[in-house]
Amino acid sequence: MDIDALDVLYLRVLAPPAAALATALAVGLALGLMQPLLGLAVFAFLVAAGIGLALAAGHAAGLGMRRRAQMTETLRARTIDLMQGQTELVMAARLGAQRRAIADADARLAAAEDRLNRIDSWAGFGYLASEHQKMKLAAIEGMWETQPAPASFTLVGIPDMEERTNHYAIHIPWVMGLIGTRSLMQEIPGILELVDKAEDRIRNGIIAYDALQDYRAAPSRDAVPPESVRAFEEHGDDMGYALLLTKYVEDPRGATEEQIAQAAWDTVPHVPTLFWAFRIMVGIGFVNMALMAAFVMVSARGTITRRPCPGRVAHGRRRLVADGADSSVHHRRLHPALYGADRDRDAP
């Protein structure tokens, strides 16, 4: 039996719905301790929302991917037409219109990609963006080296951009591999590996850029050298990487190896900023979940007014709302069901 297929089945198909169902059940049970009907209603809503969200996201993403593929081909065709027929376009006074058509196709392609990104974010599939934004994921995790699958998660550490390492790092085995790929066997590329790939794509882009100049110089499409046609078709997708060199040299074809290396490192974001911003965000989320769980527990036991914490926190929040709602109402005397013995103790 294919082990990789089982890996995909368990971790990418079965595990996410099972985890979502377990979470919905836990939330329903927690609320059900206070109000059974409320817990049942919330559980049913979460299950229905999860199924509906997956179906809606799949439908919307399918349309967006077809749109992106169409716009990619349109942009490529219009660019080739501009390079190949520039003389004819000038004579027909259509050069400006062709440039506007290319700009329009580029804008539509960007809109299609932005729509797909919004669908990913809206559906909550942020980590699945690792297929398209591997550098961002590696920077968030401070993953300089490619680790054997499944990769560990760096809980805390001090990323060093100059030495390209993390000082005093604490790792949790397997966690990043399971979160980022939902697989036990798929690797997550590190920053150094991605930079090496960016260098290769820059070099391929230079080949495509050179072939594009042959398109511009040819009087017609049939006059373009066959090797230039093949080179552009093979490396055309990497031409944007070659344009990173324009920061250092006017013509990418004249770039040195040092400039290519610098341009490749330009693809790396500021690692410490992303690293700590992500951990602060997650930490705040865990604190909120812990507070919610504590409030649910003491509320279910009916001891929220007797607990020093979080009972006093909730009690203080009710006092703040009561005192600010109406100045004519004396402190902590809104309703005996809310304040219990405090009402009698503070009464004049």
C-alpha atoms as a PDB file:
ATOM      1  CA  MET A   1       0.000   0.000   0.000  1.00  0.00           C
ATOM      2  CA  ASP A   2       1.203   3.529  -0.790  1.00  0.00           C
ATOM      3  CA  ILE A   3       2.371   5.072   2.503  1.00  0.00           C
ATOM      4  CA  ASP A   4       2.365   8.578   1.041  1.00  0.00           C
ATOM      5  CA  ALA A   5      -1.264   8.166  -0.017  1.00  0.00           C
ATOM      6  CA  LEU A   6      -2.226   7.087   3.503  1.00  0.00           C
ATOM      7  CA  ASP A   7      -0.322  10.066   4.883  1.00  0.00           C
ATOM      8  CA  VAL A   8      -2.311  12.426   2.677  1.00  0.00           C
ATOM      9  CA  LEU A   9      -5.576  10.667   3.514  1.00  0.00           C
ATOM     10  CA  TYR A  10      -5.154  10.789   7.286  1.00  0.00           C
ATOM     11  CA  LEU A  11      -3.516  14.174   7.769  1.00  0.00           C
ATOM     12  CA  ARG A  12      -5.065  16.211   4.966  1.00  0.00           C
ATOM     13  CA  VAL A  13      -8.487  14.643   4.510  1.00  0.00           C
ATOM     14  CA  LEU A  14      -9.524  13.014   7.783  1.00  0.00           C
ATOM     15  CA  ALA A  15      -7.602  14.943  10.468  1.00  0.00           C
ATOM     16  CA  PRO A  16      -8.877  18.508   9.757  1.00  0.00           C
ATOM     17  CA  PRO A  17     -12.603  17.605   9.820  1.00  0.00           C
ATOM     18  CA  ALA A  18     -12.040  15.430  12.904  1.00  0.00           C
ATOM     19  CA  ALA A  19     -10.254  18.281  14.708  1.00  0.00           C
ATOM     20  CA  ALA A  20     -12.983  20.740  13.729  1.00  0.00           C
ATOM     21  CA  LEU A  21     -15.701  18.357  14.912  1.00  0.00           C
ATOM     22  CA  ALA A  22     -13.918  17.790  18.231  1.00  0.00           C
ATOM     23  CA  THR A  23     -13.588  21.546  18.736  1.00  0.00           C
ATOM     24  CA  ALA A  24     -17.257  22.137  17.967  1.00  0.00           C
ATOM     25  CA  LEU A  25     -18.203  19.351  20.376  1.00  0.00           C
ATOM     26  CA  ALA A  26     -16.022  20.814  23.130  1.00  0.00           C
ATOM     27  CA  VAL A  27     -17.569  24.262  22.693  1.00  0.00           C
ATOM     28  CA  GLY A  28     -21.069  22.787  22.641  1.00  0.00           C
ATOM     29  CA  LEU A  29     -20.440  20.810  25.826  1.00  0.00           C
ATOM     30  CA  ALA A  30     -18.931  23.823  27.608  1.00  0.00           C
ATOM     31  CA  LEU A  31     -21.941  25.996  26.793  1.00  0.00           C
ATOM     32  CA  GLY A  32     -24.298  23.101  27.446  1.00  0.00           C
ATOM     33  CA  LEU A  33     -23.174  23.003  31.077  1.00  0.00           C
ATOM     34  CA  MET A  34     -24.793  26.414  31.500  1.00  0.00           C
ATOM     35  CA  GLN A  35     -27.687  26.055  29.058  1.00  0.00           C
ATOM     36  CA  PRO A  36     -28.282  22.743  27.221  1.00  0.00           C
ATOM     37  CA  LEU A  37     -30.257  24.273  24.369  1.00  0.00           C
ATOM     38  CA  LEU A  38     -27.611  26.926  23.821  1.00  0.00           C
ATOM     39  CA  GLY A  39     -24.859  24.306  23.689  1.00  0.00           C
ATOM     40  CA  LEU A  40     -26.818  22.208  21.200  1.00  0.00           C
ATOM     41  CA  ALA A  41     -27.576  25.208  19.010  1.00  0.00           C
ATOM     42  CA  VAL A  42     -23.959  26.379  18.953  1.00  0.00           C
ATOM     43  CA  PHE A  43     -22.713  22.873  18.128  1.00  0.00           C
ATOM     44  CA  ALA A  44     -25.175  22.566  15.243  1.00  0.00           C
ATOM     45  CA  PHE A  45     -24.241  26.009  13.966  1.00  0.00           C
ATOM     46  CA  LEU A  46     -20.489  25.275  14.026  1.00  0.00           C
ATOM     47  CA  VAL A  47     -20.931  21.998  12.169  1.00  0.00           C
ATOM     48  CA  ALA A  48     -23.174  23.570   9.532  1.00  0.00           C
ATOM     49  CA  ALA A  49     -20.843  26.562   9.169  1.00  0.00           C
ATOM     50  CA  GLY A  50     -17.817  24.325   8.751  1.00  0.00           C
ATOM     51  CA  ILE A  51     -19.434  22.282   5.996  1.00  0.00           C
ATOM     52  CA  GLY A  52     -20.826  25.338   4.259  1.00  0.00           C
ATOM     53  CA  LEU A  53     -17.529  27.200   4.498  1.00  0.00           C
ATOM     54  CA  ALA A  54     -15.590  24.351   2.895  1.00  0.00           C
ATOM     55  CA  LEU A  55     -18.094  24.022   0.039  1.00  0.00           C
ATOM     56  CA  ALA A  56     -18.260  27.767  -0.580  1.00  0.00           C
ATOM     57  CA  ALA A  57     -14.477  28.164  -0.489  1.00  0.00           C
ATOM     58  CA  GLY A  58     -13.970  25.282  -2.912  1.00  0.00           C
ATOM     59  CA  HIS A  59     -16.497  26.710  -5.357  1.00  0.00           C
ATOM     60  CA  ALA A  60     -15.106  30.242  -5.159  1.00  0.00           C
ATOM     61  CA  ALA A  61     -11.486  29.085  -5.454  1.00  0.00           C
ATOM     62  CA  GLY A  62     -12.279  27.004  -8.543  1.00  0.00           C
ATOM     63  CA  LEU A  63     -13.618  30.039 -10.344  1.00  0.00           C
ATOM     64  CA  GLY A  64     -10.673  32.153  -9.209  1.00  0.00           C
ATOM     65  CA  MET A  65      -8.087  29.642 -10.389  1.00  0.00           C
ATOM     66  CA  ARG A  66      -9.677  29.419 -13.825  1.00  0.00           C
ATOM     67  CA  ARG A  67      -9.723  33.197 -14.015  1.00  0.00           C
ATOM     68  CA  ARG A  68      -6.068  33.419 -13.023  1.00  0.00           C
ATOM     69  CA  ALA A  69      -5.015  30.852 -15.637  1.00  0.00           C
ATOM     70  CA  GLN A  70      -6.963  32.734 -18.311  1.00  0.00           C
ATOM     71  CA  MET A  71      -5.429  36.089 -17.390  1.00  0.00           C
ATOM     72  CA  THR A  72      -1.919  34.610 -17.265  1.00  0.00           C
ATOM     73  CA  GLU A  73      -2.203  33.357 -20.823  1.00  0.00           C
ATOM     74  CA  THR A  74      -3.792  36.612 -21.964  1.00  0.00           C
ATOM     75  CA  LEU A  75      -0.982  38.674 -20.428  1.00  0.00           C
ATOM     76  CA  ARG A  76       1.678  36.483 -22.009  1.00  0.00           C
ATOM     77  CA  ALA A  77       0.027  36.623 -25.450  1.00  0.00           C
ATOM     78  CA  ARG A  78      -0.391  40.406 -25.378  1.00  0.00           C
ATOM     79  CA  THR A  79       3.201  40.924 -24.233  1.00  0.00           C
ATOM     80  CA  ILE A  80       4.533  38.753 -27.059  1.00  0.00           C
ATOM     81  CA  ASP A  81       2.335  40.597 -29.561  1.00  0.00           C
ATOM     82  CA  LEU A  82       3.746  43.911 -28.340  1.00  0.00           C
ATOM     83  CA  MET A  83       7.350  42.765 -28.616  1.00  0.00           C
ATOM     84  CA  GLN A  84       6.844  41.073 -31.967  1.00  0.00           C
ATOM     85  CA  GLY A  85       4.675  43.611 -33.751  1.00  0.00           C
ATOM     86  CA  GLN A  86       5.960  46.858 -32.307  1.00  0.00           C
ATOM     87  CA  THR A  87       6.645  48.342 -35.738  1.00  0.00           C
ATOM     88  CA  GLU A  88       3.170  47.517 -37.047  1.00  0.00           C
ATOM     89  CA  LEU A  89       1.564  48.862 -33.876  1.00  0.00           C
ATOM     90  CA  VAL A  90       3.446  52.173 -34.242  1.00  0.00           C
ATOM     91  CA  MET A  91       2.421  52.524 -37.886  1.00  0.00           C
ATOM     92  CA  ALA A  92      -1.192  51.792 -36.984  1.00  0.00           C
ATOM     93  CA  ALA A  93      -1.079  54.130 -33.978  1.00  0.00           C
ATOM     94  CA  ARG A  94      -2.007  51.188 -31.766  1.00  0.00           C
ATOM     95  CA  LEU A  95       1.087  51.039 -29.556  1.00  0.00           C
ATOM     96  CA  GLY A  96      -0.538  52.929 -26.706  1.00  0.00           C
ATOM     97  CA  ALA A  97      -3.686  50.802 -26.940  1.00  0.00           C
ATOM     98  CA  GLN A  98      -1.615  47.612 -26.794  1.00  0.00           C
ATOM     99  CA  ARG A  99       0.221  48.843 -23.730  1.00  0.00           C
ATOM    100  CA  ARG A 100      -3.069  49.680 -22.073  1.00  0.00           C
ATOM    101  CA  ALA A 101      -4.348  46.205 -22.958  1.00  0.00           C
ATOM    102  CA  ILE A 102      -1.283  44.672 -21.296  1.00  0.00           C
ATOM    103  CA  ALA A 103      -1.768  46.833 -18.213  1.00  0.00           C
ATOM    104  CA  ASP A 104      -5.429  45.808 -18.108  1.00  0.00           C
ATOM    105  CA  ALA A 105      -4.533  42.108 -18.321  1.00  0.00           C
ATOM    106  CA  ASP A 106      -1.925  42.543 -15.594  1.00  0.00           C
ATOM    107  CA  ALA A 107      -4.470  44.295 -13.358  1.00  0.00           C
ATOM    108  CA  ARG A 108      -7.002  41.530 -13.935  1.00  0.00           C
ATOM    109  CA  LEU A 109      -4.390  38.885 -13.122  1.00  0.00           C
ATOM    110  CA  ALA A 110      -3.475  40.711  -9.916  1.00  0.00           C
ATOM    111  CA  ALA A 111      -7.160  40.955  -9.015  1.00  0.00           C
ATOM    112  CA  ALA A 112      -7.624  37.204  -9.589  1.00  0.00           C
ATOM    113  CA  GLU A 113      -4.637  36.383  -7.380  1.00  0.00           C
ATOM    114  CA  ASP A 114      -5.840  38.808  -4.719  1.00  0.00           C
ATOM    115  CA  ARG A 115      -9.245  37.144  -4.799  1.00  0.00           C
ATOM    116  CA  LEU A 116      -7.659  33.731  -4.227  1.00  0.00           C
ATOM    117  CA  ASN A 117      -5.629  35.114  -1.318  1.00  0.00           C
ATOM    118  CA  ARG A 118      -8.759  36.601   0.230  1.00  0.00           C
ATOM    119  CA  ILE A 119     -10.557  33.271  -0.122  1.00  0.00           C
ATOM    120  CA  ASP A 120      -7.689  31.539   1.695  1.00  0.00           C
ATOM    121  CA  SER A 121      -7.776  34.088   4.509  1.00  0.00           C
ATOM    122  CA  TRP A 122     -11.575  34.160   4.691  1.00  0.00           C
ATOM    123  CA  ALA A 123     -11.807  30.383   4.842  1.00  0.00           C
ATOM    124  CA  GLY A 124      -9.168  30.184   7.559  1.00  0.00           C
ATOM    125  CA  PHE A 125      -6.707  28.176   5.501  1.00  0.00           C
ATOM    126  CA  GLY A 126      -3.768  30.472   6.228  1.00  0.00           C
ATOM    127  CA  TYR A 127      -1.151  27.780   6.555  1.00  0.00           C
ATOM    128  CA  LEU A 128      -2.132  26.223   3.255  1.00  0.00           C
ATOM    129  CA  ALA A 129      -0.590  29.338   1.743  1.00  0.00           C
ATOM    130  CA  SER A 130       2.718  27.566   2.264  1.00  0.00           C
ATOM    131  CA  GLU A 131       2.318  26.187  -1.243  1.00  0.00           C
ATOM    132  CA  HIS A 132       2.473  29.721  -2.679  1.00  0.00           C
ATOM    133  CA  GLN A 133       4.196  31.769   0.040  1.00  0.00           C
ATOM    134  CA  LYS A 134       6.877  29.458   1.348  1.00  0.00           C
ATOM    135  CA  MET A 135       9.279  32.283   2.109  1.00  0.00           C
ATOM    136  CA  LYS A 136       6.735  34.019   4.316  1.00  0.00           C
ATOM    137  CA  LEU A 137       6.048  30.795   6.214  1.00  0.00           C
ATOM    138  CA  ALA A 138       9.770  30.120   6.688  1.00  0.00           C
ATOM    139  CA  ALA A 139      10.280  33.666   7.992  1.00  0.00           C
ATOM    140  CA  ILE A 140       7.359  33.385  10.410  1.00  0.00           C
ATOM    141  CA  GLU A 141       8.879  30.212  11.843  1.00  0.00           C
ATOM    142  CA  GLY A 142      12.465  31.488  11.713  1.00  0.00           C
ATOM    143  CA  MET A 143      13.343  28.362   9.749  1.00  0.00           C
ATOM    144  CA  TRP A 144      16.742  29.027   8.200  1.00  0.00           C
ATOM    145  CA  GLU A 145      17.630  25.429   7.360  1.00  0.00           C
ATOM    146  CA  THR A 146      15.367  22.839   5.776  1.00  0.00           C
ATOM    147  CA  GLN A 147      14.568  20.283   8.469  1.00  0.00           C
ATOM    148  CA  PRO A 148      13.776  16.600   7.984  1.00  0.00           C
ATOM    149  CA  ALA A 149      10.032  15.981   7.851  1.00  0.00           C
ATOM    150  CA  PRO A 150       8.061  16.588   9.959  1.00  0.00           C
ATOM    151  CA  ALA A 151       9.641  19.920  10.892  1.00  0.00           C
ATOM    152  CA  SER A 152       9.753  21.172  14.466  1.00  0.00           C
ATOM    153  CA  PHE A 153       8.079  24.378  15.642  1.00  0.00           C
ATOM    154  CA  THR A 154      10.256  27.134  17.097  1.00  0.00           C
ATOM    155  CA  LEU A 155       8.406  28.233  20.215  1.00  0.00           C
ATOM    156  CA  VAL A 156      10.694  31.150  21.064  1.00  0.00           C
ATOM    157  CA  GLY A 157      14.096  32.357  19.960  1.00  0.00           C
ATOM    158  CA  ILE A 158      16.045  35.392  18.786  1.00  0.00           C
ATOM    159  CA  PRO A 159      16.342  35.446  14.972  1.00  0.00           C
ATOM    160  CA  ASP A 160      19.631  36.886  13.732  1.00  0.00           C
ATOM    161  CA  MET A 161      19.509  38.232  10.165  1.00  0.00           C
ATOM    162  CA  GLU A 162      23.283  38.688   9.952  1.00  0.00           C
ATOM    163  CA  GLU A 163      24.326  35.261  11.220  1.00  0.00           C
ATOM    164  CA  ARG A 164      21.191  33.677   9.727  1.00  0.00           C
ATOM    165  CA  THR A 165      20.336  31.619  12.759  1.00  0.00           C
ATOM    166  CA  ASN A 166      18.142  31.676  15.873  1.00  0.00           C
ATOM    167  CA  HIS A 167      19.770  32.188  19.262  1.00  0.00           C
ATOM    168  CA  TYR A 168      18.374  30.471  22.384  1.00  0.00           C
ATOM    169  CA  ALA A 169      15.691  28.725  20.352  1.00  0.00           C
ATOM    170  CA  ILE A 170      13.257  26.261  21.930  1.00  0.00           C
ATOM    171  CA  HIS A 171      11.817  23.715  19.502  1.00  0.00           C
ATOM    172  CA  ILE A 172       8.719  21.508  19.705  1.00  0.00           C
ATOM    173  CA  PRO A 173       9.215  18.415  17.521  1.00  0.00           C
ATOM    174  CA  TRP A 174       6.853  17.610  14.649  1.00  0.00           C
ATOM    175  CA  VAL A 175       4.415  20.471  15.270  1.00  0.00           C
ATOM    176  CA  MET A 176       5.383  22.717  12.335  1.00  0.00           C
ATOM    177  CA  GLY A 177       5.341  19.826   9.884  1.00  0.00           C
ATOM    178  CA  LEU A 178       1.853  18.808  10.947  1.00  0.00           C
ATOM    179  CA  ILE A 179       0.502  22.372  10.913  1.00  0.00           C
ATOM    180  CA  GLY A 180       2.229  23.583   7.770  1.00  0.00           C
ATOM    181  CA  THR A 181       1.848  20.520   5.541  1.00  0.00           C
ATOM    182  CA  ARG A 182      -0.547  18.191   7.386  1.00  0.00           C
ATOM    183  CA  SER A 183       1.943  15.496   6.561  1.00  0.00           C
ATOM    184  CA  LEU A 184       4.570  13.406   8.293  1.00  0.00           C
ATOM    185  CA  MET A 185       6.735  13.120   5.179  1.00  0.00           C
ATOM    186  CA  GLN A 186       6.590  16.472   3.371  1.00  0.00           C
ATOM    187  CA  GLU A 187       9.424  18.908   4.036  1.00  0.00           C
ATOM    188  CA  ILE A 188       9.043  22.643   4.600  1.00  0.00           C
ATOM    189  CA  PRO A 189      11.892  24.454   2.811  1.00  0.00           C
ATOM    190  CA  GLY A 190      14.030  26.759   4.903  1.00  0.00           C
ATOM    191  CA  ILE A 191      15.050  30.313   4.079  1.00  0.00           C
ATOM    192  CA  LEU A 192      18.518  29.357   2.816  1.00  0.00           C
ATOM    193  CA  GLU A 193      17.101  26.773   0.427  1.00  0.00           C
ATOM    194  CA  LEU A 194      14.499  29.224  -0.840  1.00  0.00           C
ATOM    195  CA  VAL A 195      17.195  31.849  -1.442  1.00  0.00           C
ATOM    196  CA  ASP A 196      19.153  29.299  -3.484  1.00  0.00           C
ATOM    197  CA  LYS A 197      16.025  28.609  -5.522  1.00  0.00           C
ATOM    198  CA  ALA A 198      15.513  32.352  -5.984  1.00  0.00           C
ATOM    199  CA  GLU A 199      19.045  32.637  -7.401  1.00  0.00           C
ATOM    200  CA  ASP A 200      18.274  29.850  -9.874  1.00  0.00           C
ATOM    201  CA  ARG A 201      15.042  31.565 -10.888  1.00  0.00           C
ATOM    202  CA  ILE A 202      16.864  34.876 -11.339  1.00  0.00           C
ATOM    203  CA  ARG A 203      19.318  33.196 -13.704  1.00  0.00           C
ATOM    204  CA  ASN A 204      16.428  31.576 -15.582  1.00  0.00           C
ATOM    205  CA  GLY A 205      14.728  34.956 -15.718  1.00  0.00           C
ATOM    206  CA  ILE A 206      17.800  36.476 -17.306  1.00  0.00           C
ATOM    207  CA  ILE A 207      17.524  33.859 -20.051  1.00  0.00           C
ATOM    208  CA  ALA A 208      13.871  34.779 -20.554  1.00  0.00           C
ATOM    209  CA  TYR A 209      14.725  38.497 -20.553  1.00  0.00           C
ATOM    210  CA  ASP A 210      17.371  37.932 -23.223  1.00  0.00           C
ATOM    211  CA  ALA A 211      14.888  35.944 -25.323  1.00  0.00           C
ATOM    212  CA  LEU A 212      12.369  38.752 -24.971  1.00  0.00           C
ATOM    213  CA  GLN A 213      14.869  41.167 -26.508  1.00  0.00           C
ATOM    214  CA  ASP A 214      15.053  38.857 -29.533  1.00  0.00           C
ATOM    215  CA  TYR A 215      11.256  39.135 -29.796  1.00  0.00           C
ATOM    216  CA  ARG A 216      11.577  42.920 -29.758  1.00  0.00           C
ATOM    217  CA  ALA A 217      14.287  42.947 -32.410  1.00  0.00           C
ATOM    218  CA  ALA A 218      12.538  40.543 -34.797  1.00  0.00           C
ATOM    219  CA  PRO A 219      10.422  42.199 -37.527  1.00  0.00           C
ATOM    220  CA  SER A 220       7.779  39.482 -37.221  1.00  0.00           C
ATOM    221  CA  ARG A 221       6.972  36.528 -35.048  1.00  0.00           C
ATOM    222  CA  ASP A 222       8.162  34.105 -37.673  1.00  0.00           C
ATOM    223  CA  ALA A 223      11.559  35.807 -37.654  1.00  0.00           C
ATOM    224  CA  VAL A 224      12.185  35.125 -33.959  1.00  0.00           C
ATOM    225  CA  PRO A 225      14.967  32.524 -33.587  1.00  0.00           C
ATOM    226  CA  PRO A 226      13.547  29.131 -32.540  1.00  0.00           C
ATOM    227  CA  GLU A 227      15.960  28.878 -29.596  1.00  0.00           C
ATOM    228  CA  SER A 228      14.662  32.202 -28.270  1.00  0.00           C
ATOM    229  CA  VAL A 229      11.069  30.976 -28.555  1.00  0.00           C
ATOM    230  CA  ARG A 230      11.935  27.828 -26.630  1.00  0.00           C
ATOM    231  CA  ALA A 231      13.891  29.783 -24.028  1.00  0.00           C
ATOM    232  CA  PHE A 232      11.039  32.198 -23.402  1.00  0.00           C
ATOM    233  CA  GLU A 233       8.462  29.411 -23.187  1.00  0.00           C
ATOM    234  CA  GLU A 234      10.643  27.492 -20.746  1.00  0.00           C
ATOM    235  CA  HIS A 235      11.764  30.349 -18.503  1.00  0.00           C
ATOM    236  CA  GLY A 236       9.147  33.038 -19.086  1.00  0.00           C
ATOM    237  CA  ASP A 237       7.563  32.496 -15.670  1.00  0.00           C
ATOM    238  CA  ASP A 238      10.848  33.471 -14.004  1.00  0.00           C
ATOM    239  CA  MET A 239      11.376  36.760 -15.843  1.00  0.00           C
ATOM    240  CA  GLY A 240       9.968  38.705 -12.904  1.00  0.00           C
ATOM    241  CA  TYR A 241      12.840  37.418 -10.765  1.00  0.00           C
ATOM    242  CA  ALA A 242      15.329  38.837 -13.262  1.00  0.00           C
ATOM    243  CA  LEU A 243      13.715  42.262 -12.867  1.00  0.00           C
ATOM    244  CA  LEU A 244      14.781  42.221  -9.196  1.00  0.00           C
ATOM    245  CA  LEU A 245      18.230  42.995 -10.571  1.00  0.00           C
ATOM    246  CA  THR A 246      17.124  46.405 -11.860  1.00  0.00           C
ATOM    247  CA  LYS A 247      17.707  47.652  -8.313  1.00  0.00           C
ATOM    248  CA  TYR A 248      21.434  47.091  -8.885  1.00  0.00           C
ATOM    249  CA  VAL A 249      21.970  47.198 -12.670  1.00  0.00           C
ATOM    250  CA  GLU A 250      20.080  48.703 -15.597  1.00  0.00           C
ATOM    251  CA  ASP A 251      20.246  45.584 -17.786  1.00  0.00           C
ATOM    252  CA  PRO A 252      19.742  42.298 -15.888  1.00  0.00           C
ATOM    253  CA  ARG A 253      21.952  40.522 -18.397  1.00  0.00           C
ATOM    254  CA  GLY A 254      24.951  42.462 -17.101  1.00  0.00           C
ATOM    255  CA  ALA A 255      24.494  41.497 -13.442  1.00  0.00           C
ATOM    256  CA  THR A 256      27.374  39.972 -11.495  1.00  0.00           C
ATOM    257  CA  GLU A 257      27.129  36.926  -9.229  1.00  0.00           C
ATOM    258  CA  GLU A 258      27.233  39.213  -6.183  1.00  0.00           C
ATOM    259  CA  GLN A 259      24.305  41.239  -7.502  1.00  0.00           C
ATOM    260  CA  ILE A 260      22.333  38.065  -8.232  1.00  0.00           C
ATOM    261  CA  ALA A 261      22.939  36.916  -4.650  1.00  0.00           C
ATOM    262  CA  GLN A 262      21.833  40.305  -3.300  1.00  0.00           C
ATOM    263  CA  ALA A 263      18.658  40.227  -5.384  1.00  0.00           C
ATOM    264  CA  ALA A 264      17.890  36.720  -4.147  1.00  0.00           C
ATOM    265  CA  TRP A 265      18.163  37.879  -0.528  1.00  0.00           C
ATOM    266  CA  ASP A 266      15.775  40.732  -1.349  1.00  0.00           C
ATOM    267  CA  THR A 267      13.056  38.066  -1.426  1.00  0.00           C
ATOM    268  CA  VAL A 268      13.552  37.475   2.325  1.00  0.00           C
ATOM    269  CA  PRO A 269      11.353  39.655   4.587  1.00  0.00           C
ATOM    270  CA  HIS A 270      12.540  40.970   7.956  1.00  0.00           C
ATOM    271  CA  VAL A 271      12.501  37.717   9.899  1.00  0.00           C
ATOM    272  CA  PRO A 272      12.440  39.051  13.514  1.00  0.00           C
ATOM    273  CA  THR A 273       9.387  41.212  12.804  1.00  0.00           C
ATOM    274  CA  LEU A 274       7.330  38.388  11.323  1.00  0.00           C
ATOM    275  CA  PHE A 275       8.640  35.883  13.878  1.00  0.00           C
ATOM    276  CA  TRP A 276       7.590  37.859  16.946  1.00  0.00           C
ATOM    277  CA  ALA A 277       4.418  39.376  15.486  1.00  0.00           C
ATOM    278  CA  PHE A 278       3.083  35.887  14.837  1.00  0.00           C
ATOM    279  CA  ARG A 279       3.937  34.659  18.353  1.00  0.00           C
ATOM    280  CA  ILE A 280       2.420  37.694  20.039  1.00  0.00           C
ATOM    281  CA  MET A 281      -0.762  37.174  18.030  1.00  0.00           C
ATOM    282  CA  VAL A 282      -0.950  33.483  18.952  1.00  0.00           C
ATOM    283  CA  GLY A 283      -0.111  34.223  22.586  1.00  0.00           C
ATOM    284  CA  ILE A 284      -2.974  36.712  22.868  1.00  0.00           C
ATOM    285  CA  GLY A 285      -5.288  34.127  21.345  1.00  0.00           C
ATOM    286  CA  PHE A 286      -4.291  31.480  23.905  1.00  0.00           C
ATOM    287  CA  VAL A 287      -4.728  33.935  26.777  1.00  0.00           C
ATOM    288  CA  ASN A 288      -8.241  34.745  25.557  1.00  0.00           C
ATOM    289  CA  MET A 289      -9.092  31.043  25.267  1.00  0.00           C
ATOM    290  CA  ALA A 290      -7.771  30.378  28.765  1.00  0.00           C
ATOM    291  CA  LEU A 291      -9.857  33.207  30.226  1.00  0.00           C
ATOM    292  CA  MET A 292     -12.946  31.977  28.407  1.00  0.00           C
ATOM    293  CA  ALA A 293     -12.406  28.431  29.674  1.00  0.00           C
ATOM    294  CA  ALA A 294     -11.960  29.717  33.250  1.00  0.00           C
ATOM    295  CA  PHE A 295     -15.151  31.765  33.067  1.00  0.00           C
ATOM    296  CA  VAL A 296     -17.074  28.801  31.670  1.00  0.00           C
ATOM    297  CA  MET A 297     -15.868  26.539  34.486  1.00  0.00           C
ATOM    298  CA  VAL A 298     -16.700  28.897  37.348  1.00  0.00           C
ATOM    299  CA  SER A 299     -20.004  29.869  35.728  1.00  0.00           C
ATOM    300  CA  ALA A 300     -21.028  26.219  35.378  1.00  0.00           C
ATOM    301  CA  ARG A 301     -20.251  25.665  39.076  1.00  0.00           C
ATOM    302  CA  GLY A 302     -22.169  28.768  40.121  1.00  0.00           C
ATOM    303  CA  THR A 303     -19.154  30.160  41.990  1.00  0.00           C
ATOM    304  CA  ILE A 304     -18.285  33.152  39.856  1.00  0.00           C
ATOM    305  CA  THR A 305     -18.988  35.699  42.642  1.00  0.00           C
ATOM    306  CA  ARG A 306     -16.936  33.748  45.194  1.00  0.00           C
ATOM    307  CA  ARG A 307     -13.807  33.162  43.088  1.00  0.00           C
ATOM    308  CA  PRO A 308     -11.034  35.730  43.616  1.00  0.00           C
ATOM    309  CA  CYS A 309     -10.035  35.243  39.976  1.00  0.00           C
ATOM    310  CA  PRO A 310     -11.644  35.305  37.467  1.00  0.00           C
ATOM    311  CA  GLY A 311     -14.736  35.941  39.587  1.00  0.00           C
ATOM    312  CA  ARG A 312     -13.530  39.333  40.714  1.00  0.00           C
ATOM    313  CA  VAL A 313     -12.685  40.251  37.136  1.00  0.00           C
ATOM    314  CA  ALA A 314     -16.201  39.480  35.985  1.00  0.00           C
ATOM    315  CA  HIS A 315     -17.618  41.138  39.116  1.00  0.00           C
ATOM    316  CA  GLY A 316     -15.587  44.284  38.486  1.00  0.00           C
ATOM    317  CA  ARG A 317     -16.706  44.425  34.856  1.00  0.00           C
ATOM    318  CA  ARG A 318     -20.349  44.258  35.966  1.00  0.00           C
ATOM    319  CA  ARG A 319     -19.717  47.080  38.453  1.00  0.00           C
ATOM    320  CA  LEU A 320     -18.179  49.215  35.713  1.00  0.00           C
ATOM    321  CA  VAL A 321     -21.153  48.682  33.414  1.00  0.00           C
ATOM    322  CA  ALA A 322     -23.636  49.320  36.215  1.00  0.00           C
ATOM    323  CA  ASP A 323     -21.937  52.454  37.492  1.00  0.00           C
ATOM    324  CA  GLY A 324     -21.621  53.949  34.036  1.00  0.00           C
ATOM    325  CA  ALA A 325     -25.143  53.079  32.920  1.00  0.00           C
ATOM    326  CA  ASP A 326     -27.055  55.322  35.304  1.00  0.00           C
ATOM    327  CA  SER A 327     -25.614  57.690  37.894  1.00  0.00           C
ATOM    328  CA  SER A 328     -28.833  57.525  39.917  1.00  0.00           C
ATOM    329  CA  VAL A 329     -28.280  53.857  40.767  1.00  0.00           C
ATOM    330  CA  HIS A 330     -26.098  53.280  43.852  1.00  0.00           C
ATOM    331  CA  HIS A 331     -22.933  51.186  43.523  1.00  0.00           C
ATOM    332  CA  ARG A 332     -23.473  47.378  43.241  1.00  0.00           C
ATOM    333  CA  ARG A 333     -27.213  47.520  43.912  1.00  0.00           C
ATOM    334  CA  LEU A 334     -28.609  46.663  40.479  1.00  0.00           C
ATOM    335  CA  HIS A 335     -29.998  43.211  41.180  1.00  0.00           C
ATOM    336  CA  PRO A 336     -29.526  40.680  43.970  1.00  0.00           C
ATOM    337  CA  ALA A 337     -29.197  37.841  41.458  1.00  0.00           C
ATOM    338  CA  LEU A 338     -26.055  39.482  40.091  1.00  0.00           C
ATOM    339  CA  TYR A 339     -24.287  40.488  43.275  1.00  0.00           C
ATOM    340  CA  GLY A 340     -25.569  38.138  45.953  1.00  0.00           C
ATOM    341  CA  ALA A 341     -24.223  38.903  49.373  1.00  0.00           C
ATOM    342  CA  ASP A 342     -22.409  42.031  48.162  1.00  0.00           C
ATOM    343  CA  ARG A 343     -25.732  43.837  47.935  1.00  0.00           C
ATOM    344  CA  ASP A 344     -26.474  43.292  51.625  1.00  0.00           C
ATOM    345  CA  ARG A 345     -22.938  44.024  52.720  1.00  0.00           C
ATOM    346  CA  ASP A 346     -22.742  47.366  50.910  1.00  0.00           C
ATOM    347  CA  ALA A 347     -26.277  48.515  51.701  1.00  0.00           C
ATOM    348  CA  PRO A 348     -26.379  51.630  53.939  1.00  0.00           C
END
